[in-house]
Amino acid sequence: VALGGARHVGLVRSVWPHAFTPLAGTRGMGEQMARLAALREGH
């Protein structure tokens, strides 16, 4: 699981192409926090 910005997620995906990147495509910290909360709740 890779949590980070686009540059870091891109690096992780170059090594682990099947990595789960739940924050990919988020546009800011508020959206990232909302997505993490949804993950925690299983949504």
PDB file of all heavy atoms in Angstrom:
ATOM      1  N   VAL A   1       0.865  -1.172   0.000  1.00  0.00           N
ATOM      2  CA  VAL A   1       0.000   0.000   0.000  1.00  0.00           C
ATOM      3  C   VAL A   1       0.906   1.227   0.000  1.00  0.00           C
ATOM      4  O   VAL A   1       1.803   1.339   0.832  1.00  0.00           O
ATOM      5  CB  VAL A   1      -0.930   0.031   1.236  1.00  0.00           C
ATOM      6  CG1 VAL A   1      -1.767   1.294   1.249  1.00  0.00           C
ATOM      7  CG2 VAL A   1      -1.809  -1.205   1.268  1.00  0.00           C
ATOM      8  N   ALA A   2       0.682   2.127  -0.948  1.00  0.00           N
ATOM      9  CA  ALA A   2       1.483   3.346  -1.039  1.00  0.00           C
ATOM     10  C   ALA A   2       0.601   4.554  -0.787  1.00  0.00           C
ATOM     11  O   ALA A   2      -0.360   4.791  -1.504  1.00  0.00           O
ATOM     12  CB  ALA A   2       2.122   3.437  -2.422  1.00  0.00           C
ATOM     13  N   LEU A   3       0.931   5.294   0.259  1.00  0.00           N
ATOM     14  CA  LEU A   3       0.228   6.533   0.573  1.00  0.00           C
ATOM     15  C   LEU A   3       1.198   7.678   0.324  1.00  0.00           C
ATOM     16  O   LEU A   3       2.249   7.751   0.947  1.00  0.00           O
ATOM     17  CB  LEU A   3      -0.231   6.557   2.027  1.00  0.00           C
ATOM     18  CG  LEU A   3      -1.174   5.446   2.458  1.00  0.00           C
ATOM     19  CD1 LEU A   3      -1.452   5.540   3.950  1.00  0.00           C
ATOM     20  CD2 LEU A   3      -2.461   5.506   1.670  1.00  0.00           C
ATOM     21  N   GLY A   4       0.862   8.544  -0.591  1.00  0.00           N
ATOM     22  CA  GLY A   4       1.747   9.669  -0.866  1.00  0.00           C
ATOM     23  C   GLY A   4       1.289  10.432  -2.085  1.00  0.00           C
ATOM     24  O   GLY A   4       0.261  10.134  -2.681  1.00  0.00           O
ATOM     25  N   GLY A   5       2.085  11.410  -2.436  1.00  0.00           N
ATOM     26  CA  GLY A   5       1.800  12.219  -3.605  1.00  0.00           C
ATOM     27  C   GLY A   5       2.128  11.480  -4.891  1.00  0.00           C
ATOM     28  O   GLY A   5       2.654  10.372  -4.887  1.00  0.00           O
ATOM     29  N   ALA A   6       1.838  12.120  -6.001  1.00  0.00           N
ATOM     30  CA  ALA A   6       1.989  11.487  -7.310  1.00  0.00           C
ATOM     31  C   ALA A   6       3.415  11.026  -7.571  1.00  0.00           C
ATOM     32  O   ALA A   6       3.635   9.934  -8.102  1.00  0.00           O
ATOM     33  CB  ALA A   6       1.541  12.452  -8.406  1.00  0.00           C
ATOM     34  N   ARG A   7       4.397  11.824  -7.219  1.00  0.00           N
ATOM     35  CA  ARG A   7       5.794  11.450  -7.466  1.00  0.00           C
ATOM     36  C   ARG A   7       6.183  10.194  -6.696  1.00  0.00           C
ATOM     37  O   ARG A   7       6.786   9.279  -7.240  1.00  0.00           O
ATOM     38  CB  ARG A   7       6.717  12.607  -7.082  1.00  0.00           C
ATOM     39  CG  ARG A   7       8.166  12.324  -7.417  1.00  0.00           C
ATOM     40  CD  ARG A   7       9.040  13.492  -7.087  1.00  0.00           C
ATOM     41  NE  ARG A   7       8.587  14.655  -7.844  1.00  0.00           N
ATOM     42  CZ  ARG A   7       9.057  15.865  -7.683  1.00  0.00           C
ATOM     43  NH1 ARG A   7       9.988  16.096  -6.782  1.00  0.00           N
ATOM     44  NH2 ARG A   7       8.595  16.869  -8.397  1.00  0.00           N
ATOM     45  N   HIS A   8       5.799  10.143  -5.421  1.00  0.00           N
ATOM     46  CA  HIS A   8       6.151   8.982  -4.602  1.00  0.00           C
ATOM     47  C   HIS A   8       5.392   7.738  -5.039  1.00  0.00           C
ATOM     48  O   HIS A   8       5.949   6.645  -5.094  1.00  0.00           O
ATOM     49  CB  HIS A   8       5.895   9.284  -3.125  1.00  0.00           C
ATOM     50  CG  HIS A   8       6.782  10.363  -2.614  1.00  0.00           C
ATOM     51  ND1 HIS A   8       6.328  11.648  -2.454  1.00  0.00           N
ATOM     52  CD2 HIS A   8       8.089  10.362  -2.278  1.00  0.00           C
ATOM     53  CE1 HIS A   8       7.327  12.385  -2.009  1.00  0.00           C
ATOM     54  NE2 HIS A   8       8.411  11.641  -1.903  1.00  0.00           N
ATOM     55  N   VAL A   9       4.118   7.902  -5.338  1.00  0.00           N
ATOM     56  CA  VAL A   9       3.313   6.770  -5.798  1.00  0.00           C
ATOM     57  C   VAL A   9       3.856   6.253  -7.130  1.00  0.00           C
ATOM     58  O   VAL A   9       3.939   5.050  -7.348  1.00  0.00           O
ATOM     59  CB  VAL A   9       1.824   7.157  -5.901  1.00  0.00           C
ATOM     60  CG1 VAL A   9       1.021   6.106  -6.650  1.00  0.00           C
ATOM     61  CG2 VAL A   9       1.248   7.356  -4.511  1.00  0.00           C
ATOM     62  N   GLY A  10       4.272   7.155  -8.006  1.00  0.00           N
ATOM     63  CA  GLY A  10       4.864   6.745  -9.279  1.00  0.00           C
ATOM     64  C   GLY A  10       6.119   5.927  -9.075  1.00  0.00           C
ATOM     65  O   GLY A  10       6.344   4.926  -9.768  1.00  0.00           O
ATOM     66  N   LEU A  11       6.947   6.324  -8.128  1.00  0.00           N
ATOM     67  CA  LEU A  11       8.161   5.575  -7.815  1.00  0.00           C
ATOM     68  C   LEU A  11       7.817   4.186  -7.286  1.00  0.00           C
ATOM     69  O   LEU A  11       8.389   3.184  -7.721  1.00  0.00           O
ATOM     70  CB  LEU A  11       9.000   6.344  -6.792  1.00  0.00           C
ATOM     71  CG  LEU A  11      10.249   5.633  -6.288  1.00  0.00           C
ATOM     72  CD1 LEU A  11      11.220   5.387  -7.432  1.00  0.00           C
ATOM     73  CD2 LEU A  11      10.909   6.448  -5.193  1.00  0.00           C
ATOM     74  N   VAL A  12       6.873   4.129  -6.361  1.00  0.00           N
ATOM     75  CA  VAL A  12       6.467   2.828  -5.804  1.00  0.00           C
ATOM     76  C   VAL A  12       5.923   1.926  -6.909  1.00  0.00           C
ATOM     77  O   VAL A  12       6.278   0.753  -7.005  1.00  0.00           O
ATOM     78  CB  VAL A  12       5.428   3.005  -4.678  1.00  0.00           C
ATOM     79  CG1 VAL A  12       4.801   1.683  -4.284  1.00  0.00           C
ATOM     80  CG2 VAL A  12       6.070   3.681  -3.477  1.00  0.00           C
ATOM     81  N   ARG A  13       5.083   2.480  -7.779  1.00  0.00           N
ATOM     82  CA  ARG A  13       4.492   1.679  -8.859  1.00  0.00           C
ATOM     83  C   ARG A  13       5.531   1.202  -9.864  1.00  0.00           C
ATOM     84  O   ARG A  13       5.334   0.195 -10.527  1.00  0.00           O
ATOM     85  CB  ARG A  13       3.401   2.452  -9.563  1.00  0.00           C
ATOM     86  CG  ARG A  13       2.167   2.507  -8.704  1.00  0.00           C
ATOM     87  CD  ARG A  13       0.966   2.616  -9.553  1.00  0.00           C
ATOM     88  NE  ARG A  13      -0.152   2.160  -8.767  1.00  0.00           N
ATOM     89  CZ  ARG A  13      -1.119   1.458  -9.268  1.00  0.00           C
ATOM     90  NH1 ARG A  13      -1.106   1.136 -10.518  1.00  0.00           N
ATOM     91  NH2 ARG A  13      -2.115   1.084  -8.513  1.00  0.00           N
ATOM     92  N   SER A  14       6.647   1.914 -10.005  1.00  0.00           N
ATOM     93  CA  SER A  14       7.699   1.448 -10.911  1.00  0.00           C
ATOM     94  C   SER A  14       8.379   0.197 -10.358  1.00  0.00           C
ATOM     95  O   SER A  14       8.895  -0.617 -11.111  1.00  0.00           O
ATOM     96  CB  SER A  14       8.722   2.552 -11.175  1.00  0.00           C
ATOM     97  OG  SER A  14       9.508   2.808 -10.025  1.00  0.00           O
ATOM     98  N   VAL A  15       8.366   0.042  -9.040  1.00  0.00           N
ATOM     99  CA  VAL A  15       8.973  -1.135  -8.405  1.00  0.00           C
ATOM    100  C   VAL A  15       7.927  -2.225  -8.159  1.00  0.00           C
ATOM    101  O   VAL A  15       8.183  -3.402  -8.386  1.00  0.00           O
ATOM    102  CB  VAL A  15       9.651  -0.736  -7.076  1.00  0.00           C
ATOM    103  CG1 VAL A  15      10.215  -1.957  -6.369  1.00  0.00           C
ATOM    104  CG2 VAL A  15      10.731   0.309  -7.321  1.00  0.00           C
ATOM    105  N   TRP A  16       6.744  -1.817  -7.692  1.00  0.00           N
ATOM    106  CA  TRP A  16       5.645  -2.739  -7.399  1.00  0.00           C
ATOM    107  C   TRP A  16       4.444  -2.319  -8.238  1.00  0.00           C
ATOM    108  O   TRP A  16       3.589  -1.556  -7.771  1.00  0.00           O
ATOM    109  CB  TRP A  16       5.258  -2.697  -5.922  1.00  0.00           C
ATOM    110  CG  TRP A  16       6.292  -3.199  -4.991  1.00  0.00           C
ATOM    111  CD1 TRP A  16       6.624  -4.488  -4.754  1.00  0.00           C
ATOM    112  CD2 TRP A  16       7.121  -2.403  -4.136  1.00  0.00           C
ATOM    113  NE1 TRP A  16       7.610  -4.540  -3.821  1.00  0.00           N
ATOM    114  CE2 TRP A  16       7.942  -3.277  -3.424  1.00  0.00           C
ATOM    115  CE3 TRP A  16       7.246  -1.025  -3.927  1.00  0.00           C
ATOM    116  CZ2 TRP A  16       8.885  -2.833  -2.504  1.00  0.00           C
ATOM    117  CZ3 TRP A  16       8.178  -0.585  -3.020  1.00  0.00           C
ATOM    118  CH2 TRP A  16       8.969  -1.480  -2.326  1.00  0.00           C
ATOM    119  N   PRO A  17       4.324  -2.808  -9.467  1.00  0.00           N
ATOM    120  CA  PRO A  17       3.239  -2.353 -10.348  1.00  0.00           C
ATOM    121  C   PRO A  17       1.839  -2.660  -9.834  1.00  0.00           C
ATOM    122  O   PRO A  17       0.884  -2.004 -10.236  1.00  0.00           O
ATOM    123  CB  PRO A  17       3.499  -3.071 -11.664  1.00  0.00           C
ATOM    124  CG  PRO A  17       4.643  -3.980 -11.457  1.00  0.00           C
ATOM    125  CD  PRO A  17       5.214  -3.746 -10.102  1.00  0.00           C
ATOM    126  N   HIS A  18       1.695  -3.616  -8.933  1.00  0.00           N
ATOM    127  CA  HIS A  18       0.371  -3.974  -8.423  1.00  0.00           C
ATOM    128  C   HIS A  18       0.083  -3.348  -7.060  1.00  0.00           C
ATOM    129  O   HIS A  18      -0.841  -3.769  -6.372  1.00  0.00           O
ATOM    130  CB  HIS A  18       0.230  -5.494  -8.348  1.00  0.00           C
ATOM    131  CG  HIS A  18       0.409  -6.151  -9.677  1.00  0.00           C
ATOM    132  ND1 HIS A  18      -0.482  -5.981 -10.714  1.00  0.00           N
ATOM    133  CD2 HIS A  18       1.396  -6.926 -10.160  1.00  0.00           C
ATOM    134  CE1 HIS A  18      -0.067  -6.646 -11.771  1.00  0.00           C
ATOM    135  NE2 HIS A  18       1.078  -7.227 -11.471  1.00  0.00           N
ATOM    136  N   ALA A  19       0.852  -2.338  -6.680  1.00  0.00           N
ATOM    137  CA  ALA A  19       0.651  -1.684  -5.387  1.00  0.00           C
ATOM    138  C   ALA A  19      -0.721  -1.019  -5.344  1.00  0.00           C
ATOM    139  O   ALA A  19      -1.210  -0.487  -6.337  1.00  0.00           O
ATOM    140  CB  ALA A  19       1.737  -0.645  -5.145  1.00  0.00           C
ATOM    141  N   PHE A  20      -1.342  -1.059  -4.181  1.00  0.00           N
ATOM    142  CA  PHE A  20      -2.615  -0.389  -3.949  1.00  0.00           C
ATOM    143  C   PHE A  20      -2.303   1.057  -3.585  1.00  0.00           C
ATOM    144  O   PHE A  20      -1.580   1.332  -2.627  1.00  0.00           O
ATOM    145  CB  PHE A  20      -3.369  -1.097  -2.818  1.00  0.00           C
ATOM    146  CG  PHE A  20      -4.666  -0.458  -2.438  1.00  0.00           C
ATOM    147  CD1 PHE A  20      -5.642  -0.201  -3.387  1.00  0.00           C
ATOM    148  CD2 PHE A  20      -4.926  -0.122  -1.127  1.00  0.00           C
ATOM    149  CE1 PHE A  20      -6.850   0.382  -3.032  1.00  0.00           C
ATOM    150  CE2 PHE A  20      -6.121   0.457  -0.757  1.00  0.00           C
ATOM    151  CZ  PHE A  20      -7.083   0.709  -1.715  1.00  0.00           C
ATOM    152  N   THR A  21      -2.809   1.994  -4.355  1.00  0.00           N
ATOM    153  CA  THR A  21      -2.521   3.415  -4.139  1.00  0.00           C
ATOM    154  C   THR A  21      -3.836   4.172  -3.940  1.00  0.00           C
ATOM    155  O   THR A  21      -4.334   4.821  -4.852  1.00  0.00           O
ATOM    156  CB  THR A  21      -1.728   3.990  -5.332  1.00  0.00           C
ATOM    157  OG1 THR A  21      -2.465   3.733  -6.525  1.00  0.00           O
ATOM    158  CG2 THR A  21      -0.357   3.354  -5.456  1.00  0.00           C
ATOM    159  N   PRO A  22      -4.398   4.072  -2.735  1.00  0.00           N
ATOM    160  CA  PRO A  22      -5.737   4.624  -2.512  1.00  0.00           C
ATOM    161  C   PRO A  22      -5.834   6.143  -2.603  1.00  0.00           C
ATOM    162  O   PRO A  22      -6.926   6.674  -2.746  1.00  0.00           O
ATOM    163  CB  PRO A  22      -6.089   4.138  -1.109  1.00  0.00           C
ATOM    164  CG  PRO A  22      -4.779   3.930  -0.443  1.00  0.00           C
ATOM    165  CD  PRO A  22      -3.851   3.459  -1.527  1.00  0.00           C
ATOM    166  N   LEU A  23      -4.714   6.849  -2.530  1.00  0.00           N
ATOM    167  CA  LEU A  23      -4.779   8.312  -2.597  1.00  0.00           C
ATOM    168  C   LEU A  23      -4.481   8.851  -3.991  1.00  0.00           C
ATOM    169  O   LEU A  23      -4.504  10.069  -4.190  1.00  0.00           O
ATOM    170  CB  LEU A  23      -3.813   8.935  -1.583  1.00  0.00           C
ATOM    171  CG  LEU A  23      -4.068   8.571  -0.119  1.00  0.00           C
ATOM    172  CD1 LEU A  23      -3.078   9.284   0.786  1.00  0.00           C
ATOM    173  CD2 LEU A  23      -5.489   8.877   0.290  1.00  0.00           C
ATOM    174  N   ALA A  24      -4.230   7.976  -4.932  1.00  0.00           N
ATOM    175  CA  ALA A  24      -3.946   8.422  -6.299  1.00  0.00           C
ATOM    176  C   ALA A  24      -5.142   9.198  -6.836  1.00  0.00           C
ATOM    177  O   ALA A  24      -6.284   8.795  -6.680  1.00  0.00           O
ATOM    178  CB  ALA A  24      -3.642   7.231  -7.198  1.00  0.00           C
ATOM    179  N   GLY A  25      -4.863  10.341  -7.427  1.00  0.00           N
ATOM    180  CA  GLY A  25      -5.921  11.143  -8.017  1.00  0.00           C
ATOM    181  C   GLY A  25      -6.569  12.146  -7.076  1.00  0.00           C
ATOM    182  O   GLY A  25      -7.410  12.917  -7.494  1.00  0.00           O
ATOM    183  N   THR A  26      -6.174  12.142  -5.803  1.00  0.00           N
ATOM    184  CA  THR A  26      -6.746  13.136  -4.893  1.00  0.00           C
ATOM    185  C   THR A  26      -6.126  14.495  -5.177  1.00  0.00           C
ATOM    186  O   THR A  26      -5.007  14.600  -5.655  1.00  0.00           O
ATOM    187  CB  THR A  26      -6.513  12.749  -3.420  1.00  0.00           C
ATOM    188  OG1 THR A  26      -5.128  12.536  -3.209  1.00  0.00           O
ATOM    189  CG2 THR A  26      -7.284  11.506  -3.047  1.00  0.00           C
ATOM    190  N   ARG A  27      -6.877  15.545  -4.872  1.00  0.00           N
ATOM    191  CA  ARG A  27      -6.438  16.894  -5.223  1.00  0.00           C
ATOM    192  C   ARG A  27      -5.946  17.722  -4.048  1.00  0.00           C
ATOM    193  O   ARG A  27      -5.621  18.876  -4.211  1.00  0.00           O
ATOM    194  CB  ARG A  27      -7.574  17.614  -5.929  1.00  0.00           C
ATOM    195  CG  ARG A  27      -7.919  16.986  -7.256  1.00  0.00           C
ATOM    196  CD  ARG A  27      -9.131  17.649  -7.833  1.00  0.00           C
ATOM    197  NE  ARG A  27     -10.263  17.378  -6.957  1.00  0.00           N
ATOM    198  CZ  ARG A  27     -11.411  16.867  -7.350  1.00  0.00           C
ATOM    199  NH1 ARG A  27     -11.618  16.610  -8.604  1.00  0.00           N
ATOM    200  NH2 ARG A  27     -12.378  16.628  -6.490  1.00  0.00           N
ATOM    201  N   GLY A  28      -5.886  17.188  -2.880  1.00  0.00           N
ATOM    202  CA  GLY A  28      -5.402  17.960  -1.738  1.00  0.00           C
ATOM    203  C   GLY A  28      -5.574  17.186  -0.443  1.00  0.00           C
ATOM    204  O   GLY A  28      -6.127  16.093  -0.419  1.00  0.00           O
ATOM    205  N   MET A  29      -5.095  17.781   0.644  1.00  0.00           N
ATOM    206  CA  MET A  29      -5.126  17.100   1.941  1.00  0.00           C
ATOM    207  C   MET A  29      -6.545  16.783   2.399  1.00  0.00           C
ATOM    208  O   MET A  29      -6.789  15.722   2.965  1.00  0.00           O
ATOM    209  CB  MET A  29      -4.429  17.948   3.013  1.00  0.00           C
ATOM    210  CG  MET A  29      -2.925  17.845   2.983  1.00  0.00           C
ATOM    211  SD  MET A  29      -2.367  16.155   3.161  1.00  0.00           S
ATOM    212  CE  MET A  29      -2.507  15.914   4.904  1.00  0.00           C
ATOM    213  N   GLY A  30      -7.496  17.672   2.161  1.00  0.00           N
ATOM    214  CA  GLY A  30      -8.870  17.414   2.580  1.00  0.00           C
ATOM    215  C   GLY A  30      -9.435  16.180   1.896  1.00  0.00           C
ATOM    216  O   GLY A  30     -10.059  15.328   2.535  1.00  0.00           O
ATOM    217  N   GLU A  31      -9.196  16.079   0.607  1.00  0.00           N
ATOM    218  CA  GLU A  31      -9.682  14.921  -0.138  1.00  0.00           C
ATOM    219  C   GLU A  31      -8.938  13.645   0.289  1.00  0.00           C
ATOM    220  O   GLU A  31      -9.525  12.573   0.375  1.00  0.00           O
ATOM    221  CB  GLU A  31      -9.504  15.166  -1.635  1.00  0.00           C
ATOM    222  CG  GLU A  31     -10.292  14.205  -2.492  1.00  0.00           C
ATOM    223  CD  GLU A  31     -10.280  14.605  -3.955  1.00  0.00           C
ATOM    224  OE1 GLU A  31     -10.379  15.806  -4.262  1.00  0.00           O
ATOM    225  OE2 GLU A  31     -10.158  13.691  -4.778  1.00  0.00           O
ATOM    226  N   GLN A  32      -7.633  13.776   0.577  1.00  0.00           N
ATOM    227  CA  GLN A  32      -6.876  12.617   1.049  1.00  0.00           C
ATOM    228  C   GLN A  32      -7.407  12.132   2.391  1.00  0.00           C
ATOM    229  O   GLN A  32      -7.571  10.927   2.606  1.00  0.00           O
ATOM    230  CB  GLN A  32      -5.390  12.959   1.161  1.00  0.00           C
ATOM    231  CG  GLN A  32      -4.722  13.135  -0.177  1.00  0.00           C
ATOM    232  CD  GLN A  32      -3.282  13.536  -0.046  1.00  0.00           C
ATOM    233  OE1 GLN A  32      -2.740  13.687   1.045  1.00  0.00           O
ATOM    234  NE2 GLN A  32      -2.635  13.726  -1.182  1.00  0.00           N
ATOM    235  N   MET A  33      -7.688  13.062   3.299  1.00  0.00           N
ATOM    236  CA  MET A  33      -8.201  12.678   4.614  1.00  0.00           C
ATOM    237  C   MET A  33      -9.577  12.022   4.493  1.00  0.00           C
ATOM    238  O   MET A  33      -9.867  11.045   5.180  1.00  0.00           O
ATOM    239  CB  MET A  33      -8.262  13.893   5.541  1.00  0.00           C
ATOM    240  CG  MET A  33      -6.888  14.493   5.856  1.00  0.00           C
ATOM    241  SD  MET A  33      -5.738  13.309   6.562  1.00  0.00           S
ATOM    242  CE  MET A  33      -6.418  13.135   8.181  1.00  0.00           C
ATOM    243  N   ALA A  34     -10.413  12.537   3.599  1.00  0.00           N
ATOM    244  CA  ALA A  34     -11.736  11.936   3.385  1.00  0.00           C
ATOM    245  C   ALA A  34     -11.595  10.521   2.832  1.00  0.00           C
ATOM    246  O   ALA A  34     -12.316   9.609   3.242  1.00  0.00           O
ATOM    247  CB  ALA A  34     -12.561  12.803   2.433  1.00  0.00           C
ATOM    248  N   ARG A  35     -10.671  10.336   1.905  1.00  0.00           N
ATOM    249  CA  ARG A  35     -10.475   9.000   1.334  1.00  0.00           C
ATOM    250  C   ARG A  35      -9.931   8.036   2.383  1.00  0.00           C
ATOM    251  O   ARG A  35     -10.335   6.880   2.442  1.00  0.00           O
ATOM    252  CB  ARG A  35      -9.548   9.087   0.125  1.00  0.00           C
ATOM    253  CG  ARG A  35      -9.400   7.754  -0.541  1.00  0.00           C
ATOM    254  CD  ARG A  35      -9.454   7.626  -2.022  1.00  0.00           C
ATOM    255  NE  ARG A  35      -9.906   8.667  -2.854  1.00  0.00           N
ATOM    256  CZ  ARG A  35      -9.373   8.924  -4.046  1.00  0.00           C
ATOM    257  NH1 ARG A  35      -8.362   8.218  -4.487  1.00  0.00           N
ATOM    258  NH2 ARG A  35      -9.865   9.872  -4.795  1.00  0.00           N
ATOM    259  N   LEU A  36      -9.007   8.491   3.229  1.00  0.00           N
ATOM    260  CA  LEU A  36      -8.481   7.636   4.301  1.00  0.00           C
ATOM    261  C   LEU A  36      -9.584   7.264   5.292  1.00  0.00           C
ATOM    262  O   LEU A  36      -9.648   6.123   5.762  1.00  0.00           O
ATOM    263  CB  LEU A  36      -7.321   8.327   5.014  1.00  0.00           C
ATOM    264  CG  LEU A  36      -6.028   8.415   4.216  1.00  0.00           C
ATOM    265  CD1 LEU A  36      -5.029   9.305   4.947  1.00  0.00           C
ATOM    266  CD2 LEU A  36      -5.449   7.045   3.951  1.00  0.00           C
ATOM    267  N   ALA A  37     -10.465   8.210   5.600  1.00  0.00           N
ATOM    268  CA  ALA A  37     -11.589   7.912   6.499  1.00  0.00           C
ATOM    269  C   ALA A  37     -12.512   6.882   5.871  1.00  0.00           C
ATOM    270  O   ALA A  37     -12.983   5.966   6.544  1.00  0.00           O
ATOM    271  CB  ALA A  37     -12.364   9.194   6.818  1.00  0.00           C
ATOM    272  N   ALA A  38     -12.759   6.997   4.570  1.00  0.00           N
ATOM    273  CA  ALA A  38     -13.604   6.011   3.871  1.00  0.00           C
ATOM    274  C   ALA A  38     -12.942   4.639   3.886  1.00  0.00           C
ATOM    275  O   ALA A  38     -13.617   3.619   4.057  1.00  0.00           O
ATOM    276  CB  ALA A  38     -13.871   6.465   2.440  1.00  0.00           C
ATOM    277  N   LEU A  39     -11.620   4.597   3.714  1.00  0.00           N
ATOM    278  CA  LEU A  39     -10.894   3.322   3.801  1.00  0.00           C
ATOM    279  C   LEU A  39     -11.063   2.696   5.176  1.00  0.00           C
ATOM    280  O   LEU A  39     -11.310   1.498   5.306  1.00  0.00           O
ATOM    281  CB  LEU A  39      -9.402   3.533   3.536  1.00  0.00           C
ATOM    282  CG  LEU A  39      -8.950   3.562   2.106  1.00  0.00           C
ATOM    283  CD1 LEU A  39      -7.510   4.060   2.027  1.00  0.00           C
ATOM    284  CD2 LEU A  39      -9.047   2.189   1.503  1.00  0.00           C
ATOM    285  N   ARG A  40     -10.899   3.522   6.197  1.00  0.00           N
ATOM    286  CA  ARG A  40     -11.010   3.036   7.573  1.00  0.00           C
ATOM    287  C   ARG A  40     -12.393   2.449   7.830  1.00  0.00           C
ATOM    288  O   ARG A  40     -12.535   1.449   8.531  1.00  0.00           O
ATOM    289  CB  ARG A  40     -10.712   4.182   8.533  1.00  0.00           C
ATOM    290  CG  ARG A  40     -10.702   3.773   9.982  1.00  0.00           C
ATOM    291  CD  ARG A  40     -10.333   4.919  10.907  1.00  0.00           C
ATOM    292  NE  ARG A  40     -11.253   6.032  10.759  1.00  0.00           N
ATOM    293  CZ  ARG A  40     -10.897   7.258  10.379  1.00  0.00           C
ATOM    294  NH1 ARG A  40      -9.642   7.548  10.123  1.00  0.00           N
ATOM    295  NH2 ARG A  40     -11.808   8.215  10.276  1.00  0.00           N
ATOM    296  N   GLU A  41     -13.421   3.043   7.242  1.00  0.00           N
ATOM    297  CA  GLU A  41     -14.787   2.589   7.441  1.00  0.00           C
ATOM    298  C   GLU A  41     -15.170   1.461   6.470  1.00  0.00           C
ATOM    299  O   GLU A  41     -16.281   0.948   6.533  1.00  0.00           O
ATOM    300  CB  GLU A  41     -15.740   3.766   7.283  1.00  0.00           C
ATOM    301  CG  GLU A  41     -15.537   4.807   8.373  1.00  0.00           C
ATOM    302  CD  GLU A  41     -16.290   6.092   8.107  1.00  0.00           C
ATOM    303  OE1 GLU A  41     -17.124   6.119   7.183  1.00  0.00           O
ATOM    304  OE2 GLU A  41     -16.028   7.061   8.840  1.00  0.00           O
ATOM    305  N   GLY A  42     -14.254   1.119   5.563  1.00  0.00           N
ATOM    306  CA  GLY A  42     -14.503   0.006   4.640  1.00  0.00           C
ATOM    307  C   GLY A  42     -15.293   0.363   3.405  1.00  0.00           C
ATOM    308  O   GLY A  42     -15.879  -0.516   2.769  1.00  0.00           O
ATOM    309  N   HIS A  43     -15.333   1.653   3.034  1.00  0.00           N
ATOM    310  CA  HIS A  43     -16.128   2.081   1.885  1.00  0.00           C
ATOM    311  C   HIS A  43     -15.350   2.159   0.574  1.00  0.00           C
ATOM    312  O   HIS A  43     -15.937   2.475  -0.455  1.00  0.00           O
ATOM    313  CB  HIS A  43     -16.779   3.442   2.155  1.00  0.00           C
ATOM    314  CG  HIS A  43     -17.705   3.414   3.330  1.00  0.00           C
ATOM    315  ND1 HIS A  43     -18.830   2.620   3.359  1.00  0.00           N
ATOM    316  CD2 HIS A  43     -17.660   4.051   4.515  1.00  0.00           C
ATOM    317  CE1 HIS A  43     -19.443   2.790   4.513  1.00  0.00           C
ATOM    318  NE2 HIS A  43     -18.752   3.645   5.244  1.00  0.00           N
TER     319      HIS A  43
END
